[in-house]
PDB file of N, CA and C in Angstrom:
ATOM      1  N   MET A   1       3.401  -7.915 -18.347  1.00  0.00           N
ATOM      2  CA  MET A   1       2.817  -8.337 -18.976  1.00  0.00           C
ATOM      3  C   MET A   1       2.238  -8.635 -17.762  1.00  0.00           C
ATOM      4  N   SER A   2       0.364  -8.367 -17.796  1.00  0.00           N
ATOM      5  CA  SER A   2      -0.654  -8.194 -16.918  1.00  0.00           C
ATOM      6  C   SER A   2      -0.632  -9.696 -16.267  1.00  0.00           C
ATOM      7  N   LEU A   3      -1.271 -10.150 -15.439  1.00  0.00           N
ATOM      8  CA  LEU A   3      -1.545 -11.011 -14.651  1.00  0.00           C
ATOM      9  C   LEU A   3      -2.375 -12.295 -15.650  1.00  0.00           C
ATOM     10  N   GLY A   4      -3.465 -11.099 -16.197  1.00  0.00           N
ATOM     11  CA  GLY A   4      -4.580 -11.921 -17.301  1.00  0.00           C
ATOM     12  C   GLY A   4      -3.679 -12.723 -18.435  1.00  0.00           C
ATOM     13  N   THR A   5      -2.884 -12.060 -18.847  1.00  0.00           N
ATOM     14  CA  THR A   5      -2.219 -12.475 -20.108  1.00  0.00           C
ATOM     15  C   THR A   5      -1.456 -13.613 -20.059  1.00  0.00           C
ATOM     16  N   LYS A   6      -0.644 -13.466 -18.392  1.00  0.00           N
ATOM     17  CA  LYS A   6       0.283 -14.421 -18.028  1.00  0.00           C
ATOM     18  C   LYS A   6      -0.299 -15.609 -17.593  1.00  0.00           C
ATOM     19  N   VAL A   7      -1.757 -15.831 -17.045  1.00  0.00           N
ATOM     20  CA  VAL A   7      -2.592 -17.617 -17.172  1.00  0.00           C
ATOM     21  C   VAL A   7      -2.614 -17.608 -18.884  1.00  0.00           C
ATOM     22  N   ARG A   8      -2.801 -16.423 -19.616  1.00  0.00           N
ATOM     23  CA  ARG A   8      -3.492 -17.085 -21.035  1.00  0.00           C
ATOM     24  C   ARG A   8      -2.244 -17.863 -21.541  1.00  0.00           C
ATOM     25  N   LYS A   9      -1.047 -17.220 -21.029  1.00  0.00           N
ATOM     26  CA  LYS A   9       0.161 -17.798 -21.761  1.00  0.00           C
ATOM     27  C   LYS A   9       0.397 -18.931 -21.410  1.00  0.00           C
ATOM     28  N   TYR A  10       0.548 -19.344 -19.986  1.00  0.00           N
ATOM     29  CA  TYR A  10       0.462 -20.904 -19.121  1.00  0.00           C
ATOM     30  C   TYR A  10      -0.534 -21.502 -19.474  1.00  0.00           C
ATOM     31  N   ARG A  11      -1.633 -21.415 -19.903  1.00  0.00           N
ATOM     32  CA  ARG A  11      -2.762 -22.206 -20.559  1.00  0.00           C
ATOM     33  C   ARG A  11      -2.559 -22.408 -21.994  1.00  0.00           C
ATOM     34  N   GLU A  12      -2.306 -21.346 -22.390  1.00  0.00           N
ATOM     35  CA  GLU A  12      -1.871 -21.810 -24.222  1.00  0.00           C
ATOM     36  C   GLU A  12      -0.428 -22.964 -24.171  1.00  0.00           C
ATOM     37  N   ALA A  13       0.237 -22.489 -23.277  1.00  0.00           N
ATOM     38  CA  ALA A  13       1.311 -23.788 -23.636  1.00  0.00           C
ATOM     39  C   ALA A  13       1.438 -25.111 -22.881  1.00  0.00           C
ATOM     40  N   LYS A  14      -0.212 -25.366 -22.403  1.00  0.00           N
ATOM     41  CA  LYS A  14      -0.299 -26.451 -22.044  1.00  0.00           C
ATOM     42  C   LYS A  14      -1.409 -26.907 -22.755  1.00  0.00           C
ATOM     43  N   ASN A  15      -1.688 -26.024 -24.456  1.00  0.00           N
ATOM     44  CA  ASN A  15      -2.918 -26.498 -25.312  1.00  0.00           C
ATOM     45  C   ASN A  15      -3.808 -26.734 -24.820  1.00  0.00           C
ATOM     46  N   TRP A  16      -4.380 -26.052 -23.465  1.00  0.00           N
ATOM     47  CA  TRP A  16      -5.883 -26.066 -23.453  1.00  0.00           C
ATOM     48  C   TRP A  16      -6.629 -24.916 -23.552  1.00  0.00           C
ATOM     49  N   SER A  17      -7.747 -24.748 -24.021  1.00  0.00           N
ATOM     50  CA  SER A  17      -8.993 -24.241 -23.998  1.00  0.00           C
ATOM     51  C   SER A  17      -8.998 -23.578 -22.485  1.00  0.00           C
ATOM     52  N   GLN A  18     -10.266 -22.619 -22.834  1.00  0.00           N
ATOM     53  CA  GLN A  18     -10.419 -21.830 -21.678  1.00  0.00           C
ATOM     54  C   GLN A  18     -11.556 -22.430 -20.687  1.00  0.00           C
ATOM     55  N   ASP A  19     -11.996 -23.746 -21.398  1.00  0.00           N
ATOM     56  CA  ASP A  19     -12.939 -24.325 -21.031  1.00  0.00           C
ATOM     57  C   ASP A  19     -12.272 -25.859 -20.653  1.00  0.00           C
ATOM     58  N   ASP A  20     -11.041 -25.904 -21.030  1.00  0.00           N
ATOM     59  CA  ASP A  20     -10.293 -26.521 -20.047  1.00  0.00           C
ATOM     60  C   ASP A  20      -9.791 -26.229 -19.093  1.00  0.00           C
ATOM     61  N   LEU A  21      -9.425 -25.190 -18.838  1.00  0.00           N
ATOM     62  CA  LEU A  21      -8.896 -24.555 -17.227  1.00  0.00           C
ATOM     63  C   LEU A  21     -10.054 -24.442 -16.528  1.00  0.00           C
ATOM     64  N   ALA A  22     -11.181 -23.983 -17.147  1.00  0.00           N
ATOM     65  CA  ALA A  22     -12.716 -23.783 -16.315  1.00  0.00           C
ATOM     66  C   ALA A  22     -12.910 -25.038 -15.618  1.00  0.00           C
ATOM     67  N   LEU A  23     -13.206 -26.351 -16.467  1.00  0.00           N
ATOM     68  CA  LEU A  23     -13.132 -27.310 -15.955  1.00  0.00           C
ATOM     69  C   LEU A  23     -13.004 -27.773 -14.535  1.00  0.00           C
ATOM     70  N   ARG A  24     -11.463 -27.859 -15.159  1.00  0.00           N
ATOM     71  CA  ARG A  24     -10.199 -28.050 -14.393  1.00  0.00           C
ATOM     72  C   ARG A  24     -10.492 -27.567 -12.739  1.00  0.00           C
ATOM     73  N   LEU A  25     -10.706 -26.037 -12.646  1.00  0.00           N
ATOM     74  CA  LEU A  25     -10.974 -25.392 -11.363  1.00  0.00           C
ATOM     75  C   LEU A  25     -12.509 -25.092 -10.931  1.00  0.00           C
ATOM     76  N   ASP A  26     -12.896 -25.863 -11.694  1.00  0.00           N
ATOM     77  CA  ASP A  26     -14.773 -25.966 -11.582  1.00  0.00           C
ATOM     78  C   ASP A  26     -15.355 -24.256 -11.328  1.00  0.00           C
ATOM     79  N   VAL A  27     -14.971 -23.885 -12.407  1.00  0.00           N
ATOM     80  CA  VAL A  27     -15.438 -22.439 -12.497  1.00  0.00           C
ATOM     81  C   VAL A  27     -15.800 -22.090 -14.142  1.00  0.00           C
ATOM     82  N   THR A  28     -16.650 -21.308 -14.318  1.00  0.00           N
ATOM     83  CA  THR A  28     -17.292 -20.957 -15.759  1.00  0.00           C
ATOM     84  C   THR A  28     -16.241 -20.562 -16.745  1.00  0.00           C
ATOM     85  N   GLN A  29     -16.104 -20.702 -18.066  1.00  0.00           N
ATOM     86  CA  GLN A  29     -15.081 -20.113 -19.156  1.00  0.00           C
ATOM     87  C   GLN A  29     -15.055 -18.525 -18.943  1.00  0.00           C
ATOM     88  N   SER A  30     -16.639 -18.113 -18.505  1.00  0.00           N
ATOM     89  CA  SER A  30     -16.377 -16.861 -18.433  1.00  0.00           C
ATOM     90  C   SER A  30     -15.468 -16.181 -17.609  1.00  0.00           C
ATOM     91  N   ALA A  31     -15.591 -16.912 -16.755  1.00  0.00           N
ATOM     92  CA  ALA A  31     -14.453 -16.446 -15.401  1.00  0.00           C
ATOM     93  C   ALA A  31     -13.394 -16.467 -15.731  1.00  0.00           C
ATOM     94  N   ILE A  32     -12.590 -17.304 -16.366  1.00  0.00           N
ATOM     95  CA  ILE A  32     -11.550 -17.755 -16.847  1.00  0.00           C
ATOM     96  C   ILE A  32     -11.243 -15.998 -18.308  1.00  0.00           C
ATOM     97  N   SER A  33     -12.166 -16.295 -18.557  1.00  0.00           N
ATOM     98  CA  SER A  33     -11.948 -15.073 -20.211  1.00  0.00           C
ATOM     99  C   SER A  33     -11.922 -14.162 -18.930  1.00  0.00           C
ATOM    100  N   ASN A  34     -12.915 -13.662 -18.632  1.00  0.00           N
ATOM    101  CA  ASN A  34     -12.570 -11.926 -17.444  1.00  0.00           C
ATOM    102  C   ASN A  34     -11.025 -11.945 -17.010  1.00  0.00           C
ATOM    103  N   ILE A  35     -10.706 -13.127 -16.179  1.00  0.00           N
ATOM    104  CA  ILE A  35      -9.510 -13.013 -15.822  1.00  0.00           C
ATOM    105  C   ILE A  35      -7.924 -12.898 -16.984  1.00  0.00           C
ATOM    106  N   GLU A  36      -8.459 -13.281 -18.142  1.00  0.00           N
ATOM    107  CA  GLU A  36      -7.287 -13.170 -19.014  1.00  0.00           C
ATOM    108  C   GLU A  36      -7.461 -11.999 -19.531  1.00  0.00           C
ATOM    109  N   SER A  37      -8.272 -11.681 -19.441  1.00  0.00           N
ATOM    110  CA  SER A  37      -8.856 -10.055 -20.194  1.00  0.00           C
ATOM    111  C   SER A  37      -8.582  -8.905 -19.397  1.00  0.00           C
ATOM    112  N   ASP A  38      -8.400  -9.435 -17.886  1.00  0.00           N
ATOM    113  CA  ASP A  38      -7.961  -8.235 -17.180  1.00  0.00           C
ATOM    114  C   ASP A  38      -9.424  -7.806 -16.576  1.00  0.00           C
ATOM    115  N   LYS A  39     -10.214  -8.230 -16.783  1.00  0.00           N
ATOM    116  CA  LYS A  39     -12.010  -7.936 -16.465  1.00  0.00           C
ATOM    117  C   LYS A  39     -11.976  -7.686 -15.005  1.00  0.00           C
ATOM    118  N   SER A  40     -11.000  -9.265 -14.671  1.00  0.00           N
ATOM    119  CA  SER A  40     -11.615  -9.567 -12.933  1.00  0.00           C
ATOM    120  C   SER A  40     -10.156 -10.159 -12.501  1.00  0.00           C
ATOM    121  N   ILE A  41     -10.312 -10.151 -10.890  1.00  0.00           N
ATOM    122  CA  ILE A  41      -8.794 -10.502 -10.694  1.00  0.00           C
ATOM    123  C   ILE A  41      -9.304 -11.182  -9.490  1.00  0.00           C
ATOM    124  N   PRO A  42      -8.405 -12.667 -10.199  1.00  0.00           N
ATOM    125  CA  PRO A  42      -9.317 -13.306  -8.796  1.00  0.00           C
ATOM    126  C   PRO A  42      -8.551 -13.481  -7.569  1.00  0.00           C
ATOM    127  N   ASN A  43      -9.561 -13.872  -6.819  1.00  0.00           N
ATOM    128  CA  ASN A  43      -8.951 -14.056  -4.987  1.00  0.00           C
ATOM    129  C   ASN A  43      -7.584 -15.003  -5.003  1.00  0.00           C
ATOM    130  N   SER A  44      -7.255 -14.999  -3.868  1.00  0.00           N
ATOM    131  CA  SER A  44      -5.498 -15.177  -3.736  1.00  0.00           C
ATOM    132  C   SER A  44      -6.584 -17.191  -3.503  1.00  0.00           C
ATOM    133  N   LEU A  45      -7.337 -17.716  -3.458  1.00  0.00           N
ATOM    134  CA  LEU A  45      -7.350 -19.266  -3.419  1.00  0.00           C
ATOM    135  C   LEU A  45      -7.462 -19.863  -5.149  1.00  0.00           C
ATOM    136  N   LEU A  46      -8.162 -19.004  -5.545  1.00  0.00           N
ATOM    137  CA  LEU A  46      -8.387 -19.117  -7.021  1.00  0.00           C
ATOM    138  C   LEU A  46      -6.861 -19.316  -7.892  1.00  0.00           C
ATOM    139  N   LEU A  47      -6.107 -18.171  -7.433  1.00  0.00           N
ATOM    140  CA  LEU A  47      -4.725 -18.310  -7.829  1.00  0.00           C
ATOM    141  C   LEU A  47      -3.954 -18.529  -7.818  1.00  0.00           C
ATOM    142  N   ASN A  48      -4.026 -19.776  -6.702  1.00  0.00           N
ATOM    143  CA  ASN A  48      -3.285 -20.529  -6.113  1.00  0.00           C
ATOM    144  C   ASN A  48      -3.920 -21.896  -6.845  1.00  0.00           C
ATOM    145  N   ARG A  49      -4.853 -22.130  -7.039  1.00  0.00           N
ATOM    146  CA  ARG A  49      -5.399 -22.990  -7.784  1.00  0.00           C
ATOM    147  C   ARG A  49      -5.334 -22.995  -9.383  1.00  0.00           C
ATOM    148  N   ILE A  50      -5.364 -22.181  -9.532  1.00  0.00           N
ATOM    149  CA  ILE A  50      -4.790 -22.033 -10.912  1.00  0.00           C
ATOM    150  C   ILE A  50      -3.388 -22.175 -11.295  1.00  0.00           C
ATOM    151  N   ALA A  51      -2.654 -21.443 -10.564  1.00  0.00           N
ATOM    152  CA  ALA A  51      -1.229 -22.030 -10.515  1.00  0.00           C
ATOM    153  C   ALA A  51      -0.668 -23.614 -10.271  1.00  0.00           C
ATOM    154  N   LYS A  52      -1.441 -23.798  -9.297  1.00  0.00           N
ATOM    155  CA  LYS A  52      -1.512 -25.521  -9.677  1.00  0.00           C
ATOM    156  C   LYS A  52      -1.720 -26.104 -10.589  1.00  0.00           C
ATOM    157  N   GLU A  53      -2.632 -25.796 -11.284  1.00  0.00           N
ATOM    158  CA  GLU A  53      -3.444 -26.504 -12.007  1.00  0.00           C
ATOM    159  C   GLU A  53      -2.399 -26.415 -13.511  1.00  0.00           C
ATOM    160  N   LEU A  54      -1.866 -25.144 -13.859  1.00  0.00           N
ATOM    161  CA  LEU A  54      -0.790 -24.450 -14.213  1.00  0.00           C
ATOM    162  C   LEU A  54       0.647 -25.246 -14.680  1.00  0.00           C
ATOM    163  N   ASP A  55       0.634 -25.785 -13.653  1.00  0.00           N
ATOM    164  CA  ASP A  55       2.355 -26.474 -12.667  1.00  0.00           C
ATOM    165  C   ASP A  55       2.738 -25.360 -12.809  1.00  0.00           C
ATOM    166  N   ILE A  56       2.243 -24.201 -12.021  1.00  0.00           N
ATOM    167  CA  ILE A  56       3.681 -22.890 -11.847  1.00  0.00           C
ATOM    168  C   ILE A  56       4.137 -22.437 -10.734  1.00  0.00           C
ATOM    169  N   ASP A  57       4.826 -21.819 -10.060  1.00  0.00           N
ATOM    170  CA  ASP A  57       4.562 -21.300  -8.889  1.00  0.00           C
ATOM    171  C   ASP A  57       3.674 -20.071  -8.942  1.00  0.00           C
ATOM    172  N   MET A  58       3.074 -19.889  -8.080  1.00  0.00           N
ATOM    173  CA  MET A  58       1.931 -18.917  -8.076  1.00  0.00           C
ATOM    174  C   MET A  58       2.855 -17.183  -8.480  1.00  0.00           C
ATOM    175  N   ASN A  59       3.848 -17.117  -7.699  1.00  0.00           N
ATOM    176  CA  ASN A  59       4.817 -15.927  -8.008  1.00  0.00           C
ATOM    177  C   ASN A  59       5.257 -15.480  -9.528  1.00  0.00           C
ATOM    178  N   GLN A  60       4.925 -16.967 -10.229  1.00  0.00           N
ATOM    179  CA  GLN A  60       5.065 -16.591 -11.961  1.00  0.00           C
ATOM    180  C   GLN A  60       3.869 -15.765 -12.319  1.00  0.00           C
ATOM    181  N   LEU A  61       2.889 -15.665 -11.883  1.00  0.00           N
ATOM    182  CA  LEU A  61       2.142 -14.729 -12.302  1.00  0.00           C
ATOM    183  C   LEU A  61       1.923 -13.467 -11.836  1.00  0.00           C
ATOM    184  N   PHE A  62       3.265 -13.095 -11.799  1.00  0.00           N
ATOM    185  CA  PHE A  62       3.393 -11.751 -10.945  1.00  0.00           C
ATOM    186  C   PHE A  62       4.224 -11.109 -11.817  1.00  0.00           C
ATOM    187  N   GLU A  63       4.736  -9.909 -11.709  1.00  0.00           N
ATOM    188  CA  GLU A  63       5.874  -9.146 -12.526  1.00  0.00           C
ATOM    189  C   GLU A  63       7.195 -10.150 -11.706  1.00  0.00           C
ATOM    190  N   GLU A  64       7.988 -10.126 -12.916  1.00  0.00           N
ATOM    191  CA  GLU A  64       8.841 -10.738 -12.442  1.00  0.00           C
ATOM    192  C   GLU A  64       9.601  -9.930 -11.405  1.00  0.00           C
ATOM    193  N   LYS A  65       9.524  -8.536 -11.076  1.00  0.00           N
ATOM    194  CA  LYS A  65      10.593  -8.170 -10.171  1.00  0.00           C
ATOM    195  C   LYS A  65      10.219  -8.370  -8.832  1.00  0.00           C
ATOM    196  N   PHE A  66       8.914  -9.171  -8.919  1.00  0.00           N
ATOM    197  CA  PHE A  66       8.069  -9.484  -7.675  1.00  0.00           C
ATOM    198  C   PHE A  66       8.766 -10.407  -7.260  1.00  0.00           C
ATOM    199  N   THR A  67       8.891 -11.594  -8.510  1.00  0.00           N
ATOM    200  CA  THR A  67       9.353 -12.657  -7.272  1.00  0.00           C
ATOM    201  C   THR A  67      11.098 -12.510  -7.084  1.00  0.00           C
ATOM    202  N   ASN A  68      12.040 -11.695  -7.653  1.00  0.00           N
ATOM    203  CA  ASN A  68      13.252 -11.790  -7.580  1.00  0.00           C
ATOM    204  C   ASN A  68      13.448 -11.576  -6.286  1.00  0.00           C
ATOM    205  N   TYR A  69      14.156 -12.823  -5.307  1.00  0.00           N
ATOM    206  CA  TYR A  69      14.483 -12.924  -4.127  1.00  0.00           C
ATOM    207  C   TYR A  69      15.971 -12.258  -3.650  1.00  0.00           C
ATOM    208  N   ASN A  70      16.832 -12.123  -4.568  1.00  0.00           N
ATOM    209  CA  ASN A  70      18.104 -11.488  -4.837  1.00  0.00           C
ATOM    210  C   ASN A  70      17.926 -10.162  -5.013  1.00  0.00           C
ATOM    211  N   GLN A  71      16.970  -9.884  -4.738  1.00  0.00           N
ATOM    212  CA  GLN A  71      17.167  -7.893  -5.054  1.00  0.00           C
ATOM    213  C   GLN A  71      16.897  -7.848  -3.859  1.00  0.00           C
ATOM    214  N   ILE A  72      16.778  -8.718  -2.329  1.00  0.00           N
ATOM    215  CA  ILE A  72      16.417  -8.362  -1.087  1.00  0.00           C
ATOM    216  C   ILE A  72      18.005  -8.472  -0.686  1.00  0.00           C
ATOM    217  N   GLU A  73      18.198  -7.209   0.344  1.00  0.00           N
ATOM    218  CA  GLU A  73      19.658  -7.322   0.798  1.00  0.00           C
ATOM    219  C   GLU A  73      19.444  -6.929   2.578  1.00  0.00           C
ATOM    220  N   LYS A  74      20.066  -7.496   3.164  1.00  0.00           N
ATOM    221  CA  LYS A  74      19.384  -7.392   4.814  1.00  0.00           C
ATOM    222  C   LYS A  74      20.353  -6.156   5.382  1.00  0.00           C
ATOM    223  N   ILE A  75      19.997  -5.249   6.207  1.00  0.00           N
ATOM    224  CA  ILE A  75      20.927  -4.198   6.332  1.00  0.00           C
ATOM    225  C   ILE A  75      20.193  -3.798   8.015  1.00  0.00           C
ATOM    226  N   GLU A  76      21.268  -3.350   8.911  1.00  0.00           N
ATOM    227  CA  GLU A  76      20.644  -3.406  10.017  1.00  0.00           C
ATOM    228  C   GLU A  76      19.775  -2.760  10.189  1.00  0.00           C
ATOM    229  N   GLY A  77      18.827  -3.273  10.818  1.00  0.00           N
ATOM    230  CA  GLY A  77      17.289  -2.687  11.552  1.00  0.00           C
ATOM    231  C   GLY A  77      16.382  -3.332  10.327  1.00  0.00           C
ATOM    232  N   GLY A  78      17.092  -3.863   9.520  1.00  0.00           N
ATOM    233  CA  GLY A  78      15.509  -4.238   8.499  1.00  0.00           C
ATOM    234  C   GLY A  78      16.243  -4.756   7.596  1.00  0.00           C
ATOM    235  N   ILE A  79      15.427  -4.162   5.996  1.00  0.00           N
ATOM    236  CA  ILE A  79      16.205  -4.708   4.799  1.00  0.00           C
ATOM    237  C   ILE A  79      15.850  -3.466   3.887  1.00  0.00           C
ATOM    238  N   ASN A  80      16.598  -3.887   2.629  1.00  0.00           N
ATOM    239  CA  ASN A  80      16.669  -3.445   1.774  1.00  0.00           C
ATOM    240  C   ASN A  80      16.291  -3.523   0.585  1.00  0.00           C
ATOM    241  N   LEU A  81      15.226  -2.867  -0.263  1.00  0.00           N
ATOM    242  CA  LEU A  81      14.678  -2.961  -1.473  1.00  0.00           C
ATOM    243  C   LEU A  81      15.873  -2.879  -2.433  1.00  0.00           C
ATOM    244  N   VAL A  82      16.475  -3.597  -3.165  1.00  0.00           N
ATOM    245  CA  VAL A  82      17.596  -3.139  -4.270  1.00  0.00           C
ATOM    246  C   VAL A  82      16.310  -2.622  -5.562  1.00  0.00           C
ATOM    247  N   ASN A  83      15.842  -3.350  -5.692  1.00  0.00           N
ATOM    248  CA  ASN A  83      14.931  -2.955  -7.254  1.00  0.00           C
ATOM    249  C   ASN A  83      13.879  -3.082  -7.318  1.00  0.00           C
ATOM    250  N   GLY A  84      12.874  -2.758  -6.715  1.00  0.00           N
ATOM    251  CA  GLY A  84      11.414  -2.600  -7.114  1.00  0.00           C
ATOM    252  C   GLY A  84      10.607  -3.317  -5.617  1.00  0.00           C
ATOM    253  N   THR A  85       9.859  -3.942  -6.030  1.00  0.00           N
ATOM    254  CA  THR A  85       9.162  -4.484  -5.133  1.00  0.00           C
ATOM    255  C   THR A  85       9.326  -5.868  -4.917  1.00  0.00           C
ATOM    256  N   VAL A  86       9.276  -6.908  -3.643  1.00  0.00           N
ATOM    257  CA  VAL A  86       9.518  -8.014  -3.235  1.00  0.00           C
ATOM    258  C   VAL A  86       8.020  -8.920  -2.940  1.00  0.00           C
ATOM    259  N   ASN A  87       8.503  -9.926  -2.696  1.00  0.00           N
ATOM    260  CA  ASN A  87       7.086 -11.233  -2.464  1.00  0.00           C
ATOM    261  C   ASN A  87       7.088 -10.635  -0.918  1.00  0.00           C
ATOM    262  N   MET A  88       5.940 -10.457  -0.640  1.00  0.00           N
ATOM    263  CA  MET A  88       5.415 -10.473   1.010  1.00  0.00           C
ATOM    264  C   MET A  88       5.434 -11.858   1.932  1.00  0.00           C
ATOM    265  N   HIS A  89       5.673 -12.937   0.854  1.00  0.00           N
ATOM    266  CA  HIS A  89       5.516 -13.817   1.896  1.00  0.00           C
ATOM    267  C   HIS A  89       7.261 -14.377   2.175  1.00  0.00           C
ATOM    268  N   SER A  90       8.157 -13.616   1.729  1.00  0.00           N
ATOM    269  CA  SER A  90       9.115 -13.589   1.714  1.00  0.00           C
ATOM    270  C   SER A  90       9.905 -13.655   3.542  1.00  0.00           C
ATOM    271  N   PRO A  91      10.236 -14.808   3.861  1.00  0.00           N
ATOM    272  CA  PRO A  91      10.584 -14.368   5.780  1.00  0.00           C
ATOM    273  C   PRO A  91      11.501 -13.251   6.409  1.00  0.00           C
ATOM    274  N   GLU A  92      12.544 -12.667   5.010  1.00  0.00           N
ATOM    275  CA  GLU A  92      13.060 -11.819   5.773  1.00  0.00           C
ATOM    276  C   GLU A  92      12.134 -10.216   5.689  1.00  0.00           C
ATOM    277  N   ILE A  93      11.203 -10.520   5.160  1.00  0.00           N
ATOM    278  CA  ILE A  93      10.033  -9.279   5.392  1.00  0.00           C
ATOM    279  C   ILE A  93       9.192  -9.572   6.151  1.00  0.00           C
ATOM    280  N   ILE A  94       8.472 -10.578   6.244  1.00  0.00           N
ATOM    281  CA  ILE A  94       7.762 -10.631   7.236  1.00  0.00           C
ATOM    282  C   ILE A  94       8.604 -10.500   8.725  1.00  0.00           C
ATOM    283  N   GLU A  95       9.470 -11.069   8.772  1.00  0.00           N
ATOM    284  CA  GLU A  95      10.665 -10.945  10.013  1.00  0.00           C
ATOM    285  C   GLU A  95      10.811  -9.479  10.487  1.00  0.00           C
ATOM    286  N   SER A  96      10.971  -8.712   9.466  1.00  0.00           N
ATOM    287  CA  SER A  96      11.121  -7.236   9.761  1.00  0.00           C
ATOM    288  C   SER A  96       9.849  -6.809   9.423  1.00  0.00           C
ATOM    289  N   ILE A  97       8.684  -6.728   9.343  1.00  0.00           N
ATOM    290  CA  ILE A  97       7.398  -6.424   9.473  1.00  0.00           C
ATOM    291  C   ILE A  97       7.214  -6.640  11.147  1.00  0.00           C
ATOM    292  N   LEU A  98       7.275  -7.550  11.237  1.00  0.00           N
ATOM    293  CA  LEU A  98       7.138  -8.000  12.507  1.00  0.00           C
ATOM    294  C   LEU A  98       7.899  -7.350  13.970  1.00  0.00           C
ATOM    295  N   LYS A  99       9.382  -7.269  13.314  1.00  0.00           N
ATOM    296  CA  LYS A  99       9.869  -6.737  14.094  1.00  0.00           C
ATOM    297  C   LYS A  99       9.313  -5.053  14.482  1.00  0.00           C
ATOM    298  N   ASN A 100       9.172  -4.501  13.054  1.00  0.00           N
ATOM    299  CA  ASN A 100       8.746  -2.851  13.165  1.00  0.00           C
ATOM    300  C   ASN A 100       7.558  -2.628  13.638  1.00  0.00           C
ATOM    301  N   GLN A 101       6.490  -3.232  13.641  1.00  0.00           N
ATOM    302  CA  GLN A 101       5.180  -4.013  14.830  1.00  0.00           C
ATOM    303  C   GLN A 101       5.675  -3.701  16.252  1.00  0.00           C
ATOM    304  N   GLU A 102       6.540  -4.654  16.680  1.00  0.00           N
ATOM    305  CA  GLU A 102       7.028  -4.348  17.792  1.00  0.00           C
ATOM    306  C   GLU A 102       7.824  -3.132  18.509  1.00  0.00           C
ATOM    307  N   GLN A 103       7.919  -2.489  17.285  1.00  0.00           N
ATOM    308  CA  GLN A 103       8.602  -1.281  17.644  1.00  0.00           C
ATOM    309  C   GLN A 103       7.855  -0.333  17.732  1.00  0.00           C
ATOM    310  N   ILE A 104       6.591  -0.412  16.900  1.00  0.00           N
ATOM    311  CA  ILE A 104       5.269   0.532  17.035  1.00  0.00           C
ATOM    312  C   ILE A 104       4.838   0.658  18.054  1.00  0.00           C
ATOM    313  N   SER A 105       4.494  -0.869  18.478  1.00  0.00           N
ATOM    314  CA  SER A 105       3.601  -1.082  19.917  1.00  0.00           C
ATOM    315  C   SER A 105       4.504  -0.410  21.146  1.00  0.00           C
ATOM    316  N   LYS A 106       5.589  -0.405  21.299  1.00  0.00           N
ATOM    317  CA  LYS A 106       6.645   0.263  21.934  1.00  0.00           C
ATOM    318  C   LYS A 106       6.248   2.031  22.659  1.00  0.00           C
ATOM    319  N   LEU A 107       6.531   2.175  21.188  1.00  0.00           N
ATOM    320  CA  LEU A 107       6.171   3.594  20.650  1.00  0.00           C
ATOM    321  C   LEU A 107       4.855   3.890  21.461  1.00  0.00           C
ATOM    322  N   ILE A 108       3.861   3.302  20.603  1.00  0.00           N
ATOM    323  CA  ILE A 108       2.740   3.802  21.416  1.00  0.00           C
ATOM    324  C   ILE A 108       2.444   3.441  22.988  1.00  0.00           C
ATOM    325  N   GLU A 109       2.892   2.582  23.258  1.00  0.00           N
ATOM    326  CA  GLU A 109       2.887   2.589  24.921  1.00  0.00           C
ATOM    327  C   GLU A 109       3.339   3.531  25.134  1.00  0.00           C
ATOM    328  N   SER A 110       5.144   3.881  24.832  1.00  0.00           N
ATOM    329  CA  SER A 110       5.510   5.261  25.559  1.00  0.00           C
ATOM    330  C   SER A 110       4.501   6.530  25.435  1.00  0.00           C
ATOM    331  N   GLN A 111       4.284   6.606  24.100  1.00  0.00           N
ATOM    332  CA  GLN A 111       3.306   7.676  24.124  1.00  0.00           C
ATOM    333  C   GLN A 111       2.107   8.084  25.126  1.00  0.00           C
ATOM    334  N   ASN A 112       1.478   6.570  25.182  1.00  0.00           N
ATOM    335  CA  ASN A 112       0.347   6.633  25.721  1.00  0.00           C
ATOM    336  C   ASN A 112       0.554   7.468  27.284  1.00  0.00           C
ATOM    337  N   LYS A 113       1.935   6.822  28.031  1.00  0.00           N
ATOM    338  CA  LYS A 113       2.452   7.232  29.404  1.00  0.00           C
ATOM    339  C   LYS A 113       2.472   8.459  29.484  1.00  0.00           C
ATOM    340  N   LEU A 114       2.875   8.829  28.375  1.00  0.00           N
ATOM    341  CA  LEU A 114       3.381  10.285  28.469  1.00  0.00           C
ATOM    342  C   LEU A 114       2.160  11.075  28.801  1.00  0.00           C
ATOM    343  N   ILE A 115       0.995  11.279  27.717  1.00  0.00           N
ATOM    344  CA  ILE A 115      -0.170  11.725  27.545  1.00  0.00           C
ATOM    345  C   ILE A 115      -0.766  11.545  28.889  1.00  0.00           C
ATOM    346  N   GLU A 116      -0.951  10.175  29.532  1.00  0.00           N
ATOM    347  CA  GLU A 116      -1.461  10.039  30.876  1.00  0.00           C
ATOM    348  C   GLU A 116      -0.685  10.937  31.742  1.00  0.00           C
ATOM    349  N   SER A 117       0.378  11.275  32.143  1.00  0.00           N
ATOM    350  CA  SER A 117       1.961  11.975  32.731  1.00  0.00           C
ATOM    351  C   SER A 117       0.696  13.332  32.283  1.00  0.00           C
ATOM    352  N   LEU A 118       0.914  13.730  31.411  1.00  0.00           N
ATOM    353  CA  LEU A 118       0.229  15.293  31.068  1.00  0.00           C
ATOM    354  C   LEU A 118      -1.069  15.478  31.527  1.00  0.00           C
ATOM    355  N   LEU A 119      -1.810  14.746  31.830  1.00  0.00           N
ATOM    356  CA  LEU A 119      -3.501  14.459  31.673  1.00  0.00           C
ATOM    357  C   LEU A 119      -3.339  14.758  33.219  1.00  0.00           C
ATOM    358  N   LYS A 120      -2.402  14.181  33.848  1.00  0.00           N
ATOM    359  CA  LYS A 120      -2.511  14.407  35.591  1.00  0.00           C
ATOM    360  C   LYS A 120      -2.190  15.371  36.070  1.00  0.00           C
ATOM    361  N   LYS A 121      -1.282  16.081  35.357  1.00  0.00           N
ATOM    362  CA  LYS A 121      -0.636  17.427  35.472  1.00  0.00           C
ATOM    363  C   LYS A 121      -1.927  18.552  35.800  1.00  0.00           C
TER     364      LYS A 121
END
């Protein structure tokens, strides 16, 4: 189910028109129409506001596999994605990314020292 379809589904569950949601978000009805028809993708700030107005977690607007935290297994040296994509706001993912960036920085530093020593020869 697309993002726009989900926005429409949650809006309709509240018995709101596109105009109702647009008024609450201080956007035009055509902006809501474009989102619901997947002609435009709202930025993260608007997505957050949409979710708050619809009384849902923002992750509910994404694919189910995206929000399934149970699909993350910690393994030595990082994480294992068991089934599909995971939410990038997950603390485990962020921790793993930071650890990987630190390792990459060390490798680049080591590579730079090697290049410097080769250039001196």
